[in-house]
Amino acid sequence: MPITSIKQQISTTTRQINHLVSQLEQLLLEAPDHQEAISILEDLQTYASALIDKTEATLKKAGAHHRSLEQCYEQDLAAVMEKW
């Protein structure tokens, strides 16, 4: 699979997840005790944590994990600021 296709799929999926989280947030603003919404967000948090662990392990395994998470964020922020 070409890297461009992978990047596009990740971008699309990220936007969809962000939209769904926003919908859950709205549900919780309207009904703070909405247990199903809370449960879904807790599950999503678990999945996100597992994804972070998996990506870090994959980078280390590939020998590509040279930067800390903070360095990645700083580099991403610098890139955004340059474009803006």
C-alpha atoms as a PDB file:
ATOM      1  CA  MET A   1       0.000   0.000   0.000  1.00  0.00           C
ATOM      2  CA  PRO A   2       1.474   3.400  -0.958  1.00  0.00           C
ATOM      3  CA  ILE A   3       2.337   5.735   1.931  1.00  0.00           C
ATOM      4  CA  THR A   4       0.059   8.445   0.495  1.00  0.00           C
ATOM      5  CA  SER A   5      -2.925   6.131   0.818  1.00  0.00           C
ATOM      6  CA  ILE A   6      -1.993   5.274   4.400  1.00  0.00           C
ATOM      7  CA  LYS A   7      -1.618   8.956   5.302  1.00  0.00           C
ATOM      8  CA  GLN A   8      -4.993   9.747   3.721  1.00  0.00           C
ATOM      9  CA  GLN A   9      -6.724   6.930   5.602  1.00  0.00           C
ATOM     10  CA  ILE A  10      -5.202   8.041   8.912  1.00  0.00           C
ATOM     11  CA  SER A  11      -6.207  11.649   8.265  1.00  0.00           C
ATOM     12  CA  THR A  12      -9.779  10.678   7.362  1.00  0.00           C
ATOM     13  CA  THR A  13     -10.132   8.352  10.344  1.00  0.00           C
ATOM     14  CA  THR A  14      -8.733  10.974  12.729  1.00  0.00           C
ATOM     15  CA  ARG A  15     -11.264  13.550  11.509  1.00  0.00           C
ATOM     16  CA  GLN A  16     -14.091  11.040  11.928  1.00  0.00           C
ATOM     17  CA  ILE A  17     -13.007  10.144  15.460  1.00  0.00           C
ATOM     18  CA  ASN A  18     -12.679  13.811  16.410  1.00  0.00           C
ATOM     19  CA  HIS A  19     -16.188  14.438  15.096  1.00  0.00           C
ATOM     20  CA  LEU A  20     -17.602  11.504  17.059  1.00  0.00           C
ATOM     21  CA  VAL A  21     -15.847  12.640  20.239  1.00  0.00           C
ATOM     22  CA  SER A  22     -17.368  16.100  19.739  1.00  0.00           C
ATOM     23  CA  GLN A  23     -20.802  14.500  19.469  1.00  0.00           C
ATOM     24  CA  LEU A  24     -20.195  12.565  22.689  1.00  0.00           C
ATOM     25  CA  GLU A  25     -19.026  15.761  24.352  1.00  0.00           C
ATOM     26  CA  GLN A  26     -22.268  17.470  23.331  1.00  0.00           C
ATOM     27  CA  LEU A  27     -24.270  14.564  24.741  1.00  0.00           C
ATOM     28  CA  LEU A  28     -22.434  14.889  28.049  1.00  0.00           C
ATOM     29  CA  LEU A  29     -22.985  18.644  28.165  1.00  0.00           C
ATOM     30  CA  GLU A  30     -26.702  18.021  27.775  1.00  0.00           C
ATOM     31  CA  ALA A  31     -26.813  14.994  30.092  1.00  0.00           C
ATOM     32  CA  PRO A  32     -23.693  14.739  32.308  1.00  0.00           C
ATOM     33  CA  ASP A  33     -24.810  11.352  33.663  1.00  0.00           C
ATOM     34  CA  HIS A  34     -25.193   9.724  30.229  1.00  0.00           C
ATOM     35  CA  GLN A  35     -23.533   6.419  31.143  1.00  0.00           C
ATOM     36  CA  GLU A  36     -23.314   5.033  27.622  1.00  0.00           C
ATOM     37  CA  ALA A  37     -21.487   8.142  26.361  1.00  0.00           C
ATOM     38  CA  ILE A  38     -19.145   7.981  29.353  1.00  0.00           C
ATOM     39  CA  SER A  39     -18.488   4.296  28.688  1.00  0.00           C
ATOM     40  CA  ILE A  40     -17.731   4.927  25.012  1.00  0.00           C
ATOM     41  CA  LEU A  41     -15.284   7.702  25.905  1.00  0.00           C
ATOM     42  CA  GLU A  42     -13.598   5.478  28.479  1.00  0.00           C
ATOM     43  CA  ASP A  43     -13.254   2.730  25.859  1.00  0.00           C
ATOM     44  CA  LEU A  44     -11.870   5.232  23.371  1.00  0.00           C
ATOM     45  CA  GLN A  45      -9.351   6.413  25.950  1.00  0.00           C
ATOM     46  CA  THR A  46      -8.225   2.802  26.454  1.00  0.00           C
ATOM     47  CA  TYR A  47      -7.887   2.278  22.690  1.00  0.00           C
ATOM     48  CA  ALA A  48      -5.947   5.539  22.314  1.00  0.00           C
ATOM     49  CA  SER A  49      -3.545   4.530  25.063  1.00  0.00           C
ATOM     50  CA  ALA A  50      -3.005   1.149  23.415  1.00  0.00           C
ATOM     51  CA  LEU A  51      -2.413   2.879  20.072  1.00  0.00           C
ATOM     52  CA  ILE A  52       0.234   5.133  21.616  1.00  0.00           C
ATOM     53  CA  ASP A  53       1.951   2.114  23.159  1.00  0.00           C
ATOM     54  CA  LYS A  54       1.824   0.244  19.831  1.00  0.00           C
ATOM     55  CA  THR A  55       3.218   3.151  17.791  1.00  0.00           C
ATOM     56  CA  GLU A  56       6.042   3.746  20.282  1.00  0.00           C
ATOM     57  CA  ALA A  57       6.929   0.039  20.262  1.00  0.00           C
ATOM     58  CA  THR A  58       6.859  -0.043  16.458  1.00  0.00           C
ATOM     59  CA  LEU A  59       9.139   3.001  16.197  1.00  0.00           C
ATOM     60  CA  LYS A  60      11.586   1.522  18.692  1.00  0.00           C
ATOM     61  CA  LYS A  61      11.521  -1.847  16.931  1.00  0.00           C
ATOM     62  CA  ALA A  62      12.284  -0.123  13.624  1.00  0.00           C
ATOM     63  CA  GLY A  63      15.072   1.914  15.237  1.00  0.00           C
ATOM     64  CA  ALA A  64      13.279   5.125  14.320  1.00  0.00           C
ATOM     65  CA  HIS A  65      12.375   6.323  17.810  1.00  0.00           C
ATOM     66  CA  HIS A  66      14.949   9.076  18.251  1.00  0.00           C
ATOM     67  CA  ARG A  67      12.736  11.857  19.586  1.00  0.00           C
ATOM     68  CA  SER A  68      10.728  12.168  22.752  1.00  0.00           C
ATOM     69  CA  LEU A  69       7.009  12.832  22.522  1.00  0.00           C
ATOM     70  CA  GLU A  70       7.654  16.414  23.647  1.00  0.00           C
ATOM     71  CA  GLN A  71      10.176  16.885  20.842  1.00  0.00           C
ATOM     72  CA  CYS A  72       7.634  15.595  18.332  1.00  0.00           C
ATOM     73  CA  TYR A  73       5.024  18.073  19.599  1.00  0.00           C
ATOM     74  CA  GLU A  74       7.546  20.929  19.490  1.00  0.00           C
ATOM     75  CA  GLN A  75       8.537  20.061  15.933  1.00  0.00           C
ATOM     76  CA  ASP A  76       4.883  19.794  14.861  1.00  0.00           C
ATOM     77  CA  LEU A  77       4.094  23.147  16.490  1.00  0.00           C
ATOM     78  CA  ALA A  78       7.088  24.784  14.815  1.00  0.00           C
ATOM     79  CA  ALA A  79       5.961  23.431  11.427  1.00  0.00           C
ATOM     80  CA  VAL A  80       2.442  24.778  11.939  1.00  0.00           C
ATOM     81  CA  MET A  81       3.763  28.180  13.011  1.00  0.00           C
ATOM     82  CA  GLU A  82       5.992  28.357   9.917  1.00  0.00           C
ATOM     83  CA  LYS A  83       3.025  27.677   7.635  1.00  0.00           C
ATOM     84  CA  TRP A  84       0.843  30.164   9.438  1.00  0.00           C
END
